[in-house]
Amino acid sequence: MKLTSAIRLGVGASILAVASLSAMPAFAETFEVQMLNKDPENKKNKNIFKPAFLKINVGDTVKFISVDKGHNSQSVKGMLPEGAKKWKSKISKDFEITFDVEGTYGYKCTPHYSMGMVGVIVVGDGSSNLDAAKGAKAPKKAAKAFAPLFEQAAAQ
């Protein structure tokens, strides 16, 4: 009799564990973005994130790699979906962040923002705040750099 109860408890716990796992993203991935002084493929492109555009799923992580010193990653005011957490990494340090809210995220290198060192991450379908992100204020070179990235986001 006691053995039967133990078996029932074990089966119940197993079912609960499987149900919990099915609610989580199937395979969360980690993506890397390099923070660079120069694009190795085109030396004319300076102070860049590579890649500058990512399309990921909710639950995925992005790791910003400090390949060259003097860069960081910071979310841009007005370019985050509602409920998303803003971030600001330390200069010259690797940093990772997991994206739990669907939407479009604009980010920058704080010291090189006015030079156009920006990037965009689309999480899920990304459309919830795309227009707001596109309309957020940015310095002239940053706005110019954001334009093709937002075009990519709209095409997703």
C-alpha atoms as a PDB file:
ATOM      1  CA  MET A   1       0.000   0.000   0.000  1.00  0.00           C
ATOM      2  CA  LYS A   2       2.785   2.469   0.903  1.00  0.00           C
ATOM      3  CA  LEU A   3       4.698   1.545  -2.252  1.00  0.00           C
ATOM      4  CA  THR A   4       1.651   2.344  -4.414  1.00  0.00           C
ATOM      5  CA  SER A   5       1.372   5.833  -2.851  1.00  0.00           C
ATOM      6  CA  ALA A   6       5.055   6.441  -3.452  1.00  0.00           C
ATOM      7  CA  ILE A   7       4.681   5.420  -7.096  1.00  0.00           C
ATOM      8  CA  ARG A   8       1.667   7.733  -7.530  1.00  0.00           C
ATOM      9  CA  LEU A   9       3.614  10.606  -5.954  1.00  0.00           C
ATOM     10  CA  GLY A  10       6.578   9.952  -8.261  1.00  0.00           C
ATOM     11  CA  VAL A  11       4.373   9.819 -11.361  1.00  0.00           C
ATOM     12  CA  GLY A  12       2.582  13.017 -10.316  1.00  0.00           C
ATOM     13  CA  ALA A  13       5.870  14.840  -9.765  1.00  0.00           C
ATOM     14  CA  SER A  14       7.135  13.651 -13.166  1.00  0.00           C
ATOM     15  CA  ILE A  15       4.019  14.939 -14.919  1.00  0.00           C
ATOM     16  CA  LEU A  16       4.354  18.293 -13.147  1.00  0.00           C
ATOM     17  CA  ALA A  17       8.031  18.561 -14.164  1.00  0.00           C
ATOM     18  CA  VAL A  18       7.236  17.839 -17.823  1.00  0.00           C
ATOM     19  CA  ALA A  19       4.389  20.376 -17.800  1.00  0.00           C
ATOM     20  CA  SER A  20       6.721  23.035 -16.358  1.00  0.00           C
ATOM     21  CA  LEU A  21       9.342  22.390 -19.020  1.00  0.00           C
ATOM     22  CA  SER A  22       6.842  22.662 -21.838  1.00  0.00           C
ATOM     23  CA  ALA A  23       6.024  26.239 -20.779  1.00  0.00           C
ATOM     24  CA  MET A  24       9.685  27.293 -21.181  1.00  0.00           C
ATOM     25  CA  PRO A  25      11.322  28.152 -24.517  1.00  0.00           C
ATOM     26  CA  ALA A  26      12.385  24.923 -26.195  1.00  0.00           C
ATOM     27  CA  PHE A  27      16.021  25.839 -26.754  1.00  0.00           C
ATOM     28  CA  ALA A  28      17.225  29.187 -25.508  1.00  0.00           C
ATOM     29  CA  GLU A  29      20.310  30.293 -27.409  1.00  0.00           C
ATOM     30  CA  THR A  30      23.196  32.642 -26.698  1.00  0.00           C
ATOM     31  CA  PHE A  31      24.240  35.075 -29.423  1.00  0.00           C
ATOM     32  CA  GLU A  32      27.481  37.040 -29.470  1.00  0.00           C
ATOM     33  CA  VAL A  33      27.910  40.657 -30.524  1.00  0.00           C
ATOM     34  CA  GLN A  34      31.443  41.984 -30.842  1.00  0.00           C
ATOM     35  CA  MET A  35      32.293  45.539 -29.831  1.00  0.00           C
ATOM     36  CA  LEU A  36      34.984  46.666 -32.280  1.00  0.00           C
ATOM     37  CA  ASN A  37      37.126  49.679 -33.175  1.00  0.00           C
ATOM     38  CA  LYS A  38      37.181  48.611 -36.844  1.00  0.00           C
ATOM     39  CA  ASP A  39      35.266  46.124 -38.943  1.00  0.00           C
ATOM     40  CA  PRO A  40      37.775  43.401 -39.896  1.00  0.00           C
ATOM     41  CA  GLU A  41      36.069  43.079 -43.297  1.00  0.00           C
ATOM     42  CA  ASN A  42      35.927  46.814 -44.036  1.00  0.00           C
ATOM     43  CA  LYS A  43      38.468  48.976 -42.175  1.00  0.00           C
ATOM     44  CA  LYS A  44      36.500  52.115 -43.120  1.00  0.00           C
ATOM     45  CA  ASN A  45      33.702  51.063 -40.740  1.00  0.00           C
ATOM     46  CA  LYS A  46      34.839  52.231 -37.317  1.00  0.00           C
ATOM     47  CA  ASN A  47      33.318  51.826 -33.854  1.00  0.00           C
ATOM     48  CA  ILE A  48      30.801  49.118 -34.625  1.00  0.00           C
ATOM     49  CA  PHE A  49      28.791  46.296 -33.114  1.00  0.00           C
ATOM     50  CA  LYS A  50      29.142  43.132 -35.175  1.00  0.00           C
ATOM     51  CA  PRO A  51      26.503  42.073 -35.961  1.00  0.00           C
ATOM     52  CA  ALA A  52      24.576  45.300 -35.476  1.00  0.00           C
ATOM     53  CA  PHE A  53      21.239  43.550 -36.064  1.00  0.00           C
ATOM     54  CA  LEU A  54      19.966  40.396 -34.372  1.00  0.00           C
ATOM     55  CA  LYS A  55      16.652  38.538 -34.524  1.00  0.00           C
ATOM     56  CA  ILE A  56      16.222  36.311 -31.462  1.00  0.00           C
ATOM     57  CA  ASN A  57      13.510  34.567 -29.452  1.00  0.00           C
ATOM     58  CA  VAL A  58      12.150  35.374 -26.006  1.00  0.00           C
ATOM     59  CA  GLY A  59      14.462  33.716 -23.470  1.00  0.00           C
ATOM     60  CA  ASP A  60      17.584  34.014 -25.633  1.00  0.00           C
ATOM     61  CA  THR A  61      20.733  35.696 -24.319  1.00  0.00           C
ATOM     62  CA  VAL A  62      23.038  38.165 -26.043  1.00  0.00           C
ATOM     63  CA  LYS A  63      26.648  38.348 -24.930  1.00  0.00           C
ATOM     64  CA  PHE A  64      28.468  41.549 -25.824  1.00  0.00           C
ATOM     65  CA  ILE A  65      32.168  40.755 -26.304  1.00  0.00           C
ATOM     66  CA  SER A  66      34.694  43.513 -25.617  1.00  0.00           C
ATOM     67  CA  VAL A  67      37.083  42.690 -28.465  1.00  0.00           C
ATOM     68  CA  ASP A  68      38.544  46.202 -28.421  1.00  0.00           C
ATOM     69  CA  LYS A  69      38.769  48.420 -25.337  1.00  0.00           C
ATOM     70  CA  GLY A  70      36.676  51.540 -24.850  1.00  0.00           C
ATOM     71  CA  HIS A  71      33.202  50.213 -25.710  1.00  0.00           C
ATOM     72  CA  ASN A  72      30.077  49.183 -23.831  1.00  0.00           C
ATOM     73  CA  SER A  73      26.444  48.334 -24.497  1.00  0.00           C
ATOM     74  CA  GLN A  74      23.548  50.410 -23.208  1.00  0.00           C
ATOM     75  CA  SER A  75      19.862  50.414 -24.011  1.00  0.00           C
ATOM     76  CA  VAL A  76      18.536  53.603 -25.602  1.00  0.00           C
ATOM     77  CA  LYS A  77      15.740  55.531 -23.925  1.00  0.00           C
ATOM     78  CA  GLY A  78      12.533  55.220 -25.950  1.00  0.00           C
ATOM     79  CA  MET A  79      13.778  52.116 -27.799  1.00  0.00           C
ATOM     80  CA  LEU A  80      12.622  49.417 -25.385  1.00  0.00           C
ATOM     81  CA  PRO A  81       9.311  47.543 -25.300  1.00  0.00           C
ATOM     82  CA  GLU A  82       7.032  48.163 -22.340  1.00  0.00           C
ATOM     83  CA  GLY A  83       8.066  46.072 -19.334  1.00  0.00           C
ATOM     84  CA  ALA A  84      11.646  45.517 -20.562  1.00  0.00           C
ATOM     85  CA  LYS A  85      14.570  46.295 -18.278  1.00  0.00           C
ATOM     86  CA  LYS A  86      17.091  48.903 -19.359  1.00  0.00           C
ATOM     87  CA  TRP A  87      20.789  48.032 -19.183  1.00  0.00           C
ATOM     88  CA  LYS A  88      24.235  49.642 -19.178  1.00  0.00           C
ATOM     89  CA  SER A  89      27.403  47.577 -19.181  1.00  0.00           C
ATOM     90  CA  LYS A  90      30.807  48.666 -17.948  1.00  0.00           C
ATOM     91  CA  ILE A  91      33.309  50.010 -20.454  1.00  0.00           C
ATOM     92  CA  SER A  92      35.723  47.383 -21.846  1.00  0.00           C
ATOM     93  CA  LYS A  93      33.929  44.499 -20.092  1.00  0.00           C
ATOM     94  CA  ASP A  94      32.026  41.559 -21.562  1.00  0.00           C
ATOM     95  CA  PHE A  95      28.334  41.671 -20.685  1.00  0.00           C
ATOM     96  CA  GLU A  96      25.358  39.428 -21.218  1.00  0.00           C
ATOM     97  CA  ILE A  97      21.648  39.960 -20.990  1.00  0.00           C
ATOM     98  CA  THR A  98      18.671  37.626 -21.409  1.00  0.00           C
ATOM     99  CA  PHE A  99      15.661  39.041 -23.249  1.00  0.00           C
ATOM    100  CA  ASP A 100      12.349  38.116 -21.635  1.00  0.00           C
ATOM    101  CA  VAL A 101      10.059  40.679 -23.290  1.00  0.00           C
ATOM    102  CA  GLU A 102       9.113  40.576 -26.969  1.00  0.00           C
ATOM    103  CA  GLY A 103       9.827  43.756 -28.925  1.00  0.00           C
ATOM    104  CA  THR A 104      12.452  45.897 -30.620  1.00  0.00           C
ATOM    105  CA  TYR A 105      15.476  47.038 -28.612  1.00  0.00           C
ATOM    106  CA  GLY A 106      17.800  49.832 -29.689  1.00  0.00           C
ATOM    107  CA  TYR A 107      21.192  49.984 -28.014  1.00  0.00           C
ATOM    108  CA  LYS A 108      24.356  52.059 -28.187  1.00  0.00           C
ATOM    109  CA  CYS A 109      27.971  52.316 -27.155  1.00  0.00           C
ATOM    110  CA  THR A 110      27.858  55.200 -24.690  1.00  0.00           C
ATOM    111  CA  PRO A 111      31.210  56.816 -25.653  1.00  0.00           C
ATOM    112  CA  HIS A 112      30.612  56.400 -29.405  1.00  0.00           C
ATOM    113  CA  TYR A 113      26.860  57.005 -29.685  1.00  0.00           C
ATOM    114  CA  SER A 114      27.239  60.352 -31.458  1.00  0.00           C
ATOM    115  CA  MET A 115      29.549  58.606 -33.966  1.00  0.00           C
ATOM    116  CA  GLY A 116      26.804  56.110 -34.836  1.00  0.00           C
ATOM    117  CA  MET A 117      27.853  53.017 -32.835  1.00  0.00           C
ATOM    118  CA  VAL A 118      24.392  51.484 -32.431  1.00  0.00           C
ATOM    119  CA  GLY A 119      22.550  48.213 -32.827  1.00  0.00           C
ATOM    120  CA  VAL A 120      19.063  46.706 -32.874  1.00  0.00           C
ATOM    121  CA  ILE A 121      17.795  43.455 -31.414  1.00  0.00           C
ATOM    122  CA  VAL A 122      14.371  42.149 -32.394  1.00  0.00           C
ATOM    123  CA  VAL A 123      12.907  39.713 -29.885  1.00  0.00           C
ATOM    124  CA  GLY A 124      10.038  37.576 -31.170  1.00  0.00           C
ATOM    125  CA  ASP A 125       7.964  39.437 -33.736  1.00  0.00           C
ATOM    126  CA  GLY A 126       9.259  42.788 -32.441  1.00  0.00           C
ATOM    127  CA  SER A 127       6.370  44.861 -33.754  1.00  0.00           C
ATOM    128  CA  SER A 128       4.909  45.979 -30.412  1.00  0.00           C
ATOM    129  CA  ASN A 129       7.173  49.031 -30.104  1.00  0.00           C
ATOM    130  CA  LEU A 130       8.880  49.298 -33.491  1.00  0.00           C
ATOM    131  CA  ASP A 131       7.244  52.622 -34.401  1.00  0.00           C
ATOM    132  CA  ALA A 132       8.098  54.108 -30.991  1.00  0.00           C
ATOM    133  CA  ALA A 133      11.707  52.947 -31.285  1.00  0.00           C
ATOM    134  CA  LYS A 134      11.989  54.438 -34.768  1.00  0.00           C
ATOM    135  CA  GLY A 135      10.615  57.746 -33.448  1.00  0.00           C
ATOM    136  CA  ALA A 136      12.973  58.026 -30.455  1.00  0.00           C
ATOM    137  CA  LYS A 137      15.517  60.855 -30.492  1.00  0.00           C
ATOM    138  CA  ALA A 138      19.100  60.041 -31.448  1.00  0.00           C
ATOM    139  CA  PRO A 139      22.140  62.092 -32.496  1.00  0.00           C
ATOM    140  CA  LYS A 140      22.393  62.673 -36.270  1.00  0.00           C
ATOM    141  CA  LYS A 141      24.970  59.936 -37.063  1.00  0.00           C
ATOM    142  CA  ALA A 142      23.263  57.495 -34.699  1.00  0.00           C
ATOM    143  CA  ALA A 143      19.875  58.140 -36.343  1.00  0.00           C
ATOM    144  CA  LYS A 144      21.469  57.526 -39.740  1.00  0.00           C
ATOM    145  CA  ALA A 145      22.978  54.241 -38.481  1.00  0.00           C
ATOM    146  CA  PHE A 146      19.669  53.160 -36.898  1.00  0.00           C
ATOM    147  CA  ALA A 147      17.649  53.724 -40.123  1.00  0.00           C
ATOM    148  CA  PRO A 148      18.726  50.559 -42.024  1.00  0.00           C
ATOM    149  CA  LEU A 149      18.566  48.500 -38.823  1.00  0.00           C
ATOM    150  CA  PHE A 150      14.952  49.543 -38.260  1.00  0.00           C
ATOM    151  CA  GLU A 151      14.231  48.683 -41.915  1.00  0.00           C
ATOM    152  CA  GLN A 152      15.542  45.179 -41.208  1.00  0.00           C
ATOM    153  CA  ALA A 153      13.372  45.023 -38.086  1.00  0.00           C
ATOM    154  CA  ALA A 154      10.271  46.012 -40.075  1.00  0.00           C
ATOM    155  CA  ALA A 155      11.011  43.305 -42.654  1.00  0.00           C
ATOM    156  CA  GLN A 156      11.052  40.529 -40.039  1.00  0.00           C
END
